[in-house]
Protein backbone atom coordinates (compact mmCIF):
# COMPACT_ATOMS: atom_id res chain seq x y z
CA UNK A 1 -1.87 0.05 24.12
CA UNK A 2 1.50 -0.21 22.43
CA UNK A 3 2.13 -0.40 18.72
CA UNK A 4 4.77 -1.85 16.44
CA UNK A 5 5.79 0.27 13.45
CA UNK A 6 6.68 -1.74 10.34
CA UNK A 7 8.64 -0.17 7.47
CA UNK A 8 9.90 -2.90 5.12
CA UNK A 9 13.16 -2.10 3.29
CA UNK A 10 11.53 -3.11 -0.02
CA UNK A 11 9.42 0.10 0.12
CA UNK A 12 10.37 3.75 -0.21
CA UNK A 13 11.54 5.21 3.12
CA UNK A 14 8.52 6.81 4.80
CA UNK A 15 8.53 10.52 5.55
CA UNK A 16 5.96 11.58 8.14
CA UNK A 17 4.15 8.20 8.19
CA UNK A 18 4.67 4.48 8.79
CA UNK A 19 3.85 1.86 6.14
CA UNK A 20 2.14 -0.45 8.65
CA UNK A 21 1.28 -0.30 12.35
CA UNK A 22 0.41 -3.40 14.35
CA UNK A 23 -1.60 -2.96 17.55
CA UNK A 24 0.09 -4.96 20.34
CA UNK A 25 -1.93 -7.85 21.72
CA UNK A 26 -3.82 -8.25 18.45
CA UNK A 27 -3.21 -8.82 14.79
CA UNK A 28 -4.99 -5.67 13.68
CA UNK A 29 -2.74 -3.92 11.17
CA UNK A 30 -3.26 -0.38 9.93
CA UNK A 31 -1.68 0.23 6.53
CA UNK A 32 -0.60 3.60 5.15
CA UNK A 33 -1.87 4.68 1.77
CA UNK A 34 0.43 3.38 -0.94
CA UNK A 35 1.35 4.85 -4.29
CA UNK A 36 3.46 3.69 -7.21
CA UNK A 37 6.79 4.54 -5.55
CA UNK A 38 9.88 2.43 -6.04
CA UNK A 39 12.46 1.85 -3.29
CA UNK A 40 14.17 5.17 -4.07
CA UNK A 41 10.89 7.12 -3.85
CA UNK A 42 10.39 7.60 -7.60
CA UNK A 43 7.03 7.12 -9.35
CA UNK A 44 6.93 4.02 -11.55
CA UNK A 45 4.61 3.18 -14.44
CA UNK A 46 3.28 5.41 -17.20
CA UNK A 47 -0.30 4.18 -17.18
CA UNK A 48 -2.99 3.90 -14.53
CA UNK A 49 -2.92 0.06 -14.56
CA UNK A 50 0.89 0.02 -14.17
CA UNK A 51 0.76 2.49 -11.27
CA UNK A 52 -2.15 0.65 -9.64
CA UNK A 53 -0.26 -2.65 -9.85
CA UNK A 54 2.79 -1.09 -8.17
CA UNK A 55 0.69 0.61 -5.45
CA UNK A 56 -1.15 -2.65 -4.70
CA UNK A 57 2.16 -4.52 -4.64
CA UNK A 58 3.51 -1.97 -2.15
CA UNK A 59 0.41 -2.41 0.01
CA UNK A 60 0.87 -6.19 0.04
CA UNK A 61 4.59 -5.82 0.83
CA UNK A 62 3.75 -3.73 3.90
CA UNK A 63 1.02 -6.20 4.92
CA UNK A 64 3.32 -9.22 4.58
CA UNK A 65 6.05 -7.45 6.58
CA UNK A 66 3.48 -6.99 9.37
CA UNK A 67 2.62 -10.71 9.31
CA UNK A 68 -0.47 -10.72 7.08
CA UNK A 69 -1.46 -11.66 3.56
CA UNK A 70 -3.98 -10.73 0.87
CA UNK A 71 -6.72 -12.88 2.44
CA UNK A 72 -6.44 -10.81 5.62
CA UNK A 73 -7.44 -7.51 4.00
CA UNK A 74 -10.76 -6.24 5.29
CA UNK A 75 -11.02 -3.16 3.09
CA UNK A 76 -9.06 -1.30 0.41
CA UNK A 77 -9.99 2.20 -0.71
CA UNK A 78 -8.74 3.40 -4.09
CA UNK A 79 -8.33 7.07 -4.96
CA UNK A 80 -7.58 8.37 -8.44
CA UNK A 81 -6.87 11.77 -9.90
CA UNK A 82 -7.95 10.67 -13.40
CA UNK A 83 -11.51 9.38 -13.25
CA UNK A 84 -11.71 8.97 -17.05
CA UNK A 85 -8.64 6.70 -17.08
CA UNK A 86 -10.02 4.75 -14.12
CA UNK A 87 -13.31 4.16 -15.92
CA UNK A 88 -11.50 3.23 -19.13
CA UNK A 89 -9.57 0.48 -17.35
CA UNK A 90 -12.27 -0.68 -14.91
CA UNK A 91 -13.76 -4.10 -15.43
CA UNK A 92 -17.21 -3.93 -16.89
């Protein structure tokens, strides 16, 4: 099986990973974990919601560059280092 590596210019240059990998002969796309990095590799946003919005936007940018869209996501896993802030901003 061959793969296509997708690294959109709108995202921070990857170091040691690829933003998206498409398996040839299919439309299965594997996305790298995304954080709140801007195109220069700097963290953006001061709050958890701001950083989450940027990370999700980066994820969708990688997905669109690989030919997909939000409706094509099968699963998203979210990790946080500040559980209290996550709970504070989680929908009830």
